Each structure stands twice: as structure tokens, then as C-alpha cells.
Amino acid sequence: MSTPTAEQAQQELQEEFDMFDNWMDRYQYLIDLGKQLPPFPDEWKTEQYKIQGCQSNVWMHHEVTGGQLQFKATSDAAIVSGLIALLLRIYNERDAQEVRDTQPHFLTDLGLDKHLSPTRSNGLHAMLERIYQVAETASR
């Protein structure tokens, strides 16, 4: 089975979130997704990888391998870890052009733009900004 495109990943997430009737269940699903993040090495928990603008601590490491952007990230907050899982599902292991071309409509599709606190929303946008910066740099 081929890997879904970033657009397909956003569509799949919407279908998964549509299975839940209320936001308590959706928040629990986000938390569960966050618990499935791969381990993040302690040596990457430095200022260099820290995302500014997040209320909780968030670190994001990236590398470019074979033209693919590879992201790893972690947070000390459960819901933020879930948001990281969403971002990685959409943007991880993609080429820079696909990342740059993929608009984050999942924010509206999933209702995250309305149901996240302002501080979590700011943090999510800061993580997205870092992903797009990495893609922009890798495109040069």
C-alpha cells in the first residue's frame, strides 16, 4: 500500500475525527495519538530545537534524507503531543515541495481553530511555521 499524500492524510484525519460525536472524545483521541509518538532523544531537548510561542515545552528536530523531510517532535503536554502527531502524519516524510504546497485546512476541517485554547492554537501555528521554514530552506 502506498503512503497517502499530505492531502489524503488530512482527509483521513477528518474521517477519523468525524467518528466522534463530541469534543471530549476528540480530545481523548488527540491524547491517544500523542501517546503513540516515537521516542524523542533527550539530547534534542535543547534551545536549538525548542519551538517558541508554545505555552508548554515543545521540541522539534528535523533532517533531510533522500529529499524527504523527516520530523520528530515531543511535548510535555498531552494534547500538544496529539497535535504534534497530527502534524507529523500530514507533513513528515514528504518532499519539501509537497510540504510547501499543502495548506493546513485540517485546522478548520477538524474544528481545531474553534476548539483549541488561544495558547494551544498559537503553539500549533508556531509548529506549523517551523515545518514550513524547514521546507522553504530545503527547497533552496
N, C-alpha and C. Protein backbone atom coordinates (compact mmCIF):
# COMPACT_ATOMS: atom_id res chain seq x y z
N MET A 1 0.84 -1.17 0.00
CA MET A 1 0.00 0.00 0.00
C MET A 1 0.89 1.24 0.00
N SER A 2 0.58 2.18 -0.87
CA SER A 2 1.41 3.37 -0.96
C SER A 2 1.07 4.34 0.17
N THR A 3 2.03 5.17 0.49
CA THR A 3 1.85 6.17 1.53
C THR A 3 0.88 7.24 1.02
N PRO A 4 -0.08 7.61 1.83
CA PRO A 4 -1.01 8.65 1.39
C PRO A 4 -0.30 9.99 1.22
N THR A 5 -0.79 10.81 0.32
CA THR A 5 -0.25 12.16 0.18
C THR A 5 -0.63 12.97 1.41
N ALA A 6 -0.05 14.16 1.52
CA ALA A 6 -0.39 15.03 2.64
C ALA A 6 -1.87 15.40 2.60
N GLU A 7 -2.40 15.62 1.41
CA GLU A 7 -3.83 15.93 1.28
C GLU A 7 -4.68 14.74 1.73
N GLN A 8 -4.29 13.54 1.31
CA GLN A 8 -5.03 12.34 1.72
C GLN A 8 -4.95 12.15 3.23
N ALA A 9 -3.80 12.45 3.81
CA ALA A 9 -3.64 12.33 5.27
C ALA A 9 -4.61 13.27 5.99
N GLN A 10 -4.78 14.48 5.46
CA GLN A 10 -5.72 15.42 6.08
C GLN A 10 -7.15 14.88 5.97
N GLN A 11 -7.48 14.30 4.82
CA GLN A 11 -8.82 13.74 4.62
C GLN A 11 -9.06 12.57 5.57
N GLU A 12 -8.06 11.71 5.73
CA GLU A 12 -8.19 10.56 6.64
C GLU A 12 -8.40 11.04 8.08
N LEU A 13 -7.68 12.07 8.48
CA LEU A 13 -7.86 12.61 9.83
C LEU A 13 -9.27 13.14 10.02
N GLN A 14 -9.80 13.80 9.01
CA GLN A 14 -11.16 14.31 9.13
C GLN A 14 -12.14 13.15 9.30
N GLU A 15 -11.95 12.09 8.53
CA GLU A 15 -12.84 10.92 8.65
C GLU A 15 -12.74 10.31 10.05
N GLU A 16 -11.53 10.25 10.59
CA GLU A 16 -11.35 9.69 11.94
C GLU A 16 -12.04 10.57 12.98
N PHE A 17 -11.86 11.88 12.88
CA PHE A 17 -12.47 12.79 13.85
C PHE A 17 -13.99 12.82 13.72
N ASP A 18 -14.49 12.61 12.51
CA ASP A 18 -15.94 12.59 12.29
C ASP A 18 -16.62 11.43 13.03
N MET A 19 -15.84 10.42 13.41
CA MET A 19 -16.42 9.27 14.13
C MET A 19 -16.84 9.64 15.55
N PHE A 20 -16.31 10.75 16.05
CA PHE A 20 -16.59 11.16 17.44
C PHE A 20 -17.70 12.20 17.47
N ASP A 21 -18.63 12.03 18.39
CA ASP A 21 -19.79 12.91 18.48
C ASP A 21 -19.51 14.21 19.23
N ASN A 22 -18.50 14.20 20.08
CA ASN A 22 -18.28 15.40 20.90
C ASN A 22 -16.79 15.67 21.08
N TRP A 23 -16.52 16.87 21.59
CA TRP A 23 -15.12 17.28 21.71
C TRP A 23 -14.38 16.59 22.83
N MET A 24 -15.07 16.12 23.82
CA MET A 24 -14.36 15.35 24.87
C MET A 24 -13.73 14.10 24.26
N ASP A 25 -14.49 13.42 23.42
CA ASP A 25 -13.96 12.22 22.75
C ASP A 25 -12.83 12.57 21.77
N ARG A 26 -12.98 13.69 21.10
CA ARG A 26 -11.93 14.11 20.16
C ARG A 26 -10.64 14.47 20.91
N TYR A 27 -10.79 15.16 22.04
CA TYR A 27 -9.60 15.47 22.85
C TYR A 27 -8.93 14.18 23.33
N GLN A 28 -9.72 13.21 23.74
CA GLN A 28 -9.16 11.93 24.19
C GLN A 28 -8.43 11.24 23.04
N TYR A 29 -9.00 11.32 21.84
CA TYR A 29 -8.35 10.73 20.67
C TYR A 29 -7.02 11.44 20.39
N LEU A 30 -7.01 12.76 20.49
CA LEU A 30 -5.76 13.52 20.33
C LEU A 30 -4.71 13.07 21.33
N ILE A 31 -5.13 12.92 22.59
CA ILE A 31 -4.20 12.47 23.64
C ILE A 31 -3.67 11.08 23.31
N ASP A 32 -4.55 10.20 22.85
CA ASP A 32 -4.12 8.84 22.48
C ASP A 32 -3.12 8.86 21.33
N LEU A 33 -3.36 9.73 20.34
CA LEU A 33 -2.41 9.85 19.22
C LEU A 33 -1.06 10.32 19.74
N GLY A 34 -1.08 11.28 20.67
CA GLY A 34 0.16 11.80 21.22
C GLY A 34 0.97 10.74 21.96
N LYS A 35 0.27 9.81 22.59
CA LYS A 35 0.96 8.73 23.32
C LYS A 35 1.69 7.79 22.38
N GLN A 36 1.35 7.82 21.10
CA GLN A 36 1.97 6.93 20.12
C GLN A 36 3.17 7.55 19.41
N LEU A 37 3.53 8.77 19.79
CA LEU A 37 4.70 9.40 19.16
C LEU A 37 5.94 8.56 19.44
N PRO A 38 6.84 8.48 18.45
CA PRO A 38 8.08 7.74 18.69
C PRO A 38 8.92 8.44 19.76
N PRO A 39 9.81 7.71 20.41
CA PRO A 39 10.66 8.32 21.44
C PRO A 39 11.45 9.50 20.87
N PHE A 40 11.68 10.49 21.70
CA PHE A 40 12.42 11.69 21.31
C PHE A 40 13.66 11.76 22.19
N PRO A 41 14.85 11.69 21.58
CA PRO A 41 16.08 11.67 22.41
C PRO A 41 16.24 12.91 23.28
N ASP A 42 16.66 12.70 24.51
CA ASP A 42 16.87 13.81 25.44
C ASP A 42 17.89 14.82 24.92
N GLU A 43 18.87 14.36 24.14
CA GLU A 43 19.90 15.30 23.66
C GLU A 43 19.33 16.30 22.64
N TRP A 44 18.13 16.07 22.15
CA TRP A 44 17.48 17.03 21.24
C TRP A 44 16.61 18.03 22.02
N LYS A 45 16.47 17.84 23.31
CA LYS A 45 15.66 18.77 24.11
C LYS A 45 16.53 19.97 24.50
N THR A 46 16.87 20.76 23.48
CA THR A 46 17.73 21.93 23.67
C THR A 46 17.02 23.16 23.09
N GLU A 47 17.57 24.32 23.39
CA GLU A 47 17.01 25.57 22.86
C GLU A 47 16.97 25.57 21.34
N GLN A 48 17.96 24.93 20.72
CA GLN A 48 18.04 24.89 19.26
C GLN A 48 16.77 24.29 18.64
N TYR A 49 16.19 23.30 19.29
CA TYR A 49 15.03 22.60 18.74
C TYR A 49 13.72 23.01 19.39
N LYS A 50 13.79 23.89 20.38
CA LYS A 50 12.58 24.30 21.08
C LYS A 50 11.75 25.22 20.20
N ILE A 51 10.44 25.01 20.23
CA ILE A 51 9.52 25.86 19.47
C ILE A 51 9.10 27.01 20.38
N GLN A 52 9.37 28.21 19.94
CA GLN A 52 8.98 29.41 20.70
C GLN A 52 7.51 29.71 20.41
N GLY A 53 6.80 30.21 21.38
CA GLY A 53 5.40 30.57 21.18
C GLY A 53 4.44 29.52 21.72
N CYS A 54 4.97 28.43 22.23
CA CYS A 54 4.13 27.39 22.83
C CYS A 54 4.11 27.60 24.34
N GLN A 55 2.95 27.43 24.94
CA GLN A 55 2.85 27.55 26.39
C GLN A 55 3.56 26.37 27.05
N SER A 56 3.37 25.18 26.49
CA SER A 56 4.07 24.01 27.01
C SER A 56 5.42 23.89 26.30
N ASN A 57 6.25 23.00 26.77
CA ASN A 57 7.54 22.77 26.12
C ASN A 57 7.34 21.88 24.90
N VAL A 58 7.85 22.34 23.77
CA VAL A 58 7.78 21.57 22.53
C VAL A 58 9.15 21.64 21.87
N TRP A 59 9.64 20.48 21.46
CA TRP A 59 10.90 20.41 20.72
C TRP A 59 10.63 19.70 19.40
N MET A 60 11.24 20.23 18.33
CA MET A 60 11.08 19.62 17.02
C MET A 60 12.44 19.53 16.35
N HIS A 61 12.80 18.33 15.99
CA HIS A 61 14.06 18.08 15.30
C HIS A 61 13.72 17.70 13.86
N HIS A 62 14.59 18.10 12.95
CA HIS A 62 14.35 17.72 11.55
C HIS A 62 15.67 17.38 10.86
N GLU A 63 15.54 16.59 9.83
CA GLU A 63 16.65 16.35 8.92
C GLU A 63 16.08 16.08 7.54
N VAL A 64 16.92 16.21 6.54
CA VAL A 64 16.51 15.92 5.18
C VAL A 64 17.29 14.69 4.74
N THR A 65 16.55 13.64 4.38
CA THR A 65 17.17 12.39 3.98
C THR A 65 16.59 11.97 2.63
N GLY A 66 17.45 11.87 1.64
CA GLY A 66 16.99 11.44 0.32
C GLY A 66 15.89 12.34 -0.23
N GLY A 67 15.98 13.63 0.04
CA GLY A 67 14.98 14.56 -0.45
C GLY A 67 13.71 14.62 0.38
N GLN A 68 13.62 13.80 1.41
CA GLN A 68 12.44 13.76 2.27
C GLN A 68 12.72 14.49 3.57
N LEU A 69 11.75 15.30 4.00
CA LEU A 69 11.86 15.97 5.29
C LEU A 69 11.43 15.00 6.38
N GLN A 70 12.28 14.85 7.38
CA GLN A 70 12.00 13.96 8.49
C GLN A 70 11.87 14.81 9.75
N PHE A 71 10.70 14.73 10.38
CA PHE A 71 10.47 15.48 11.61
C PHE A 71 10.26 14.52 12.77
N LYS A 72 10.81 14.90 13.91
CA LYS A 72 10.49 14.23 15.16
C LYS A 72 10.20 15.35 16.14
N ALA A 73 9.22 15.14 17.00
CA ALA A 73 8.87 16.19 17.95
C ALA A 73 8.26 15.57 19.19
N THR A 74 8.27 16.36 20.26
CA THR A 74 7.67 15.91 21.51
C THR A 74 7.23 17.14 22.31
N SER A 75 6.36 16.89 23.27
CA SER A 75 5.91 17.94 24.17
C SER A 75 5.70 17.34 25.55
N ASP A 76 5.69 18.21 26.56
CA ASP A 76 5.40 17.75 27.91
C ASP A 76 3.91 17.85 28.22
N ALA A 77 3.10 18.22 27.22
CA ALA A 77 1.65 18.34 27.41
C ALA A 77 0.93 17.31 26.52
N ALA A 78 -0.05 16.64 27.08
CA ALA A 78 -0.71 15.53 26.39
C ALA A 78 -1.43 15.97 25.11
N ILE A 79 -2.22 17.03 25.18
CA ILE A 79 -2.96 17.45 23.98
C ILE A 79 -2.01 17.99 22.93
N VAL A 80 -0.98 18.70 23.35
CA VAL A 80 0.00 19.22 22.40
C VAL A 80 0.73 18.06 21.72
N SER A 81 1.01 17.01 22.45
CA SER A 81 1.62 15.82 21.83
C SER A 81 0.69 15.27 20.74
N GLY A 82 -0.60 15.30 21.00
CA GLY A 82 -1.56 14.86 19.99
C GLY A 82 -1.54 15.76 18.76
N LEU A 83 -1.41 17.06 18.97
CA LEU A 83 -1.31 17.98 17.85
C LEU A 83 -0.05 17.71 17.04
N ILE A 84 1.04 17.39 17.73
CA ILE A 84 2.28 17.02 17.04
C ILE A 84 2.02 15.78 16.17
N ALA A 85 1.32 14.80 16.73
CA ALA A 85 1.03 13.58 15.97
C ALA A 85 0.26 13.90 14.69
N LEU A 86 -0.69 14.84 14.77
CA LEU A 86 -1.42 15.25 13.57
C LEU A 86 -0.47 15.86 12.54
N LEU A 87 0.37 16.78 13.00
CA LEU A 87 1.30 17.45 12.09
C LEU A 87 2.25 16.45 11.43
N LEU A 88 2.76 15.52 12.22
CA LEU A 88 3.69 14.55 11.66
C LEU A 88 3.00 13.66 10.63
N ARG A 89 1.77 13.30 10.91
CA ARG A 89 1.03 12.47 9.97
C ARG A 89 0.86 13.18 8.62
N ILE A 90 0.67 14.47 8.65
CA ILE A 90 0.46 15.23 7.42
C ILE A 90 1.78 15.60 6.74
N TYR A 91 2.77 16.03 7.51
CA TYR A 91 3.96 16.64 6.91
C TYR A 91 5.24 15.82 6.98
N ASN A 92 5.30 14.79 7.78
CA ASN A 92 6.54 14.02 7.93
C ASN A 92 6.77 13.13 6.71
N GLU A 93 8.05 12.97 6.37
CA GLU A 93 8.48 12.10 5.28
C GLU A 93 7.86 12.51 3.94
N ARG A 94 7.88 13.80 3.70
CA ARG A 94 7.41 14.38 2.43
C ARG A 94 8.57 15.16 1.82
N ASP A 95 8.50 15.39 0.51
CA ASP A 95 9.50 16.29 -0.06
C ASP A 95 9.08 17.72 0.24
N ALA A 96 10.05 18.61 0.16
CA ALA A 96 9.83 20.00 0.57
C ALA A 96 8.71 20.66 -0.23
N GLN A 97 8.63 20.35 -1.51
CA GLN A 97 7.61 20.98 -2.35
C GLN A 97 6.21 20.57 -1.90
N GLU A 98 6.02 19.29 -1.59
CA GLU A 98 4.70 18.85 -1.12
C GLU A 98 4.33 19.54 0.19
N VAL A 99 5.30 19.67 1.08
CA VAL A 99 5.04 20.36 2.35
C VAL A 99 4.63 21.81 2.07
N ARG A 100 5.38 22.47 1.23
CA ARG A 100 5.09 23.88 0.93
C ARG A 100 3.73 24.03 0.25
N ASP A 101 3.33 23.05 -0.55
CA ASP A 101 2.07 23.13 -1.30
C ASP A 101 0.85 22.71 -0.48
N THR A 102 1.06 22.12 0.69
CA THR A 102 -0.04 21.59 1.49
C THR A 102 -0.51 22.63 2.50
N GLN A 103 -1.68 23.17 2.23
CA GLN A 103 -2.28 24.13 3.16
C GLN A 103 -2.89 23.36 4.34
N PRO A 104 -2.76 23.89 5.54
CA PRO A 104 -3.26 23.18 6.73
C PRO A 104 -4.77 23.36 6.93
N HIS A 105 -5.57 22.91 5.94
CA HIS A 105 -7.02 23.06 6.07
C HIS A 105 -7.60 22.13 7.14
N PHE A 106 -6.79 21.18 7.63
CA PHE A 106 -7.26 20.31 8.71
C PHE A 106 -7.62 21.12 9.96
N LEU A 107 -7.01 22.30 10.13
CA LEU A 107 -7.33 23.13 11.29
C LEU A 107 -8.81 23.48 11.31
N THR A 108 -9.33 23.86 10.15
CA THR A 108 -10.75 24.20 10.03
C THR A 108 -11.59 22.93 9.93
N ASP A 109 -11.12 21.97 9.10
CA ASP A 109 -11.89 20.73 8.87
C ASP A 109 -12.18 20.00 10.18
N LEU A 110 -11.19 19.94 11.07
CA LEU A 110 -11.35 19.22 12.33
C LEU A 110 -11.97 20.09 13.42
N GLY A 111 -12.06 21.39 13.16
CA GLY A 111 -12.61 22.30 14.17
C GLY A 111 -11.58 22.75 15.18
N LEU A 112 -10.31 22.47 14.91
CA LEU A 112 -9.27 22.84 15.87
C LEU A 112 -9.18 24.35 16.03
N ASP A 113 -9.45 25.07 14.94
CA ASP A 113 -9.37 26.53 15.02
C ASP A 113 -10.39 27.11 15.99
N LYS A 114 -11.47 26.36 16.26
CA LYS A 114 -12.51 26.85 17.18
C LYS A 114 -12.42 26.22 18.58
N HIS A 115 -11.79 25.05 18.69
CA HIS A 115 -11.85 24.31 19.96
C HIS A 115 -10.54 24.27 20.73
N LEU A 116 -9.49 24.87 20.20
CA LEU A 116 -8.25 24.92 20.97
C LEU A 116 -8.18 26.25 21.72
N SER A 117 -7.56 26.22 22.87
CA SER A 117 -7.36 27.47 23.60
C SER A 117 -6.42 28.35 22.77
N PRO A 118 -6.46 29.66 22.98
CA PRO A 118 -5.56 30.55 22.22
C PRO A 118 -4.09 30.17 22.36
N THR A 119 -3.67 29.76 23.55
CA THR A 119 -2.25 29.42 23.73
C THR A 119 -1.89 28.14 22.95
N ARG A 120 -2.79 27.15 22.96
CA ARG A 120 -2.51 25.94 22.18
C ARG A 120 -2.53 26.25 20.69
N SER A 121 -3.47 27.08 20.28
CA SER A 121 -3.55 27.47 18.88
C SER A 121 -2.27 28.20 18.44
N ASN A 122 -1.77 29.10 19.29
CA ASN A 122 -0.51 29.79 18.99
C ASN A 122 0.63 28.79 18.85
N GLY A 123 0.67 27.83 19.74
CA GLY A 123 1.72 26.81 19.68
C GLY A 123 1.63 25.97 18.43
N LEU A 124 0.42 25.60 18.05
CA LEU A 124 0.21 24.82 16.83
C LEU A 124 0.69 25.61 15.61
N HIS A 125 0.37 26.89 15.57
CA HIS A 125 0.82 27.73 14.46
C HIS A 125 2.34 27.90 14.47
N ALA A 126 2.94 27.96 15.65
CA ALA A 126 4.40 28.05 15.73
C ALA A 126 5.05 26.77 15.20
N MET A 127 4.45 25.61 15.50
CA MET A 127 4.98 24.35 14.96
C MET A 127 4.84 24.30 13.45
N LEU A 128 3.67 24.72 12.95
CA LEU A 128 3.46 24.76 11.50
C LEU A 128 4.46 25.69 10.83
N GLU A 129 4.71 26.83 11.45
CA GLU A 129 5.66 27.79 10.90
C GLU A 129 7.04 27.16 10.79
N ARG A 130 7.45 26.42 11.81
CA ARG A 130 8.76 25.75 11.77
C ARG A 130 8.80 24.74 10.62
N ILE A 131 7.75 23.96 10.44
CA ILE A 131 7.70 22.97 9.37
C ILE A 131 7.84 23.65 8.01
N TYR A 132 7.12 24.74 7.83
CA TYR A 132 7.20 25.46 6.55
C TYR A 132 8.57 26.10 6.34
N GLN A 133 9.19 26.59 7.43
CA GLN A 133 10.54 27.17 7.33
C GLN A 133 11.54 26.10 6.88
N VAL A 134 11.42 24.92 7.46
CA VAL A 134 12.32 23.81 7.10
C VAL A 134 12.14 23.47 5.63
N ALA A 135 10.87 23.40 5.19
CA ALA A 135 10.59 23.08 3.78
C ALA A 135 11.13 24.15 2.85
N GLU A 136 10.98 25.40 3.25
CA GLU A 136 11.48 26.52 2.43
C GLU A 136 13.00 26.45 2.30
N THR A 137 13.68 26.21 3.42
CA THR A 137 15.13 26.10 3.42
C THR A 137 15.59 24.91 2.58
N ALA A 138 14.91 23.80 2.69
CA ALA A 138 15.28 22.59 1.95
C ALA A 138 15.03 22.74 0.46
N SER A 139 14.18 23.67 0.08
CA SER A 139 13.86 23.87 -1.34
C SER A 139 14.94 24.67 -2.07
N ARG A 140 15.78 25.34 -1.31
CA ARG A 140 16.79 26.22 -1.95
C ARG A 140 17.94 25.43 -2.52
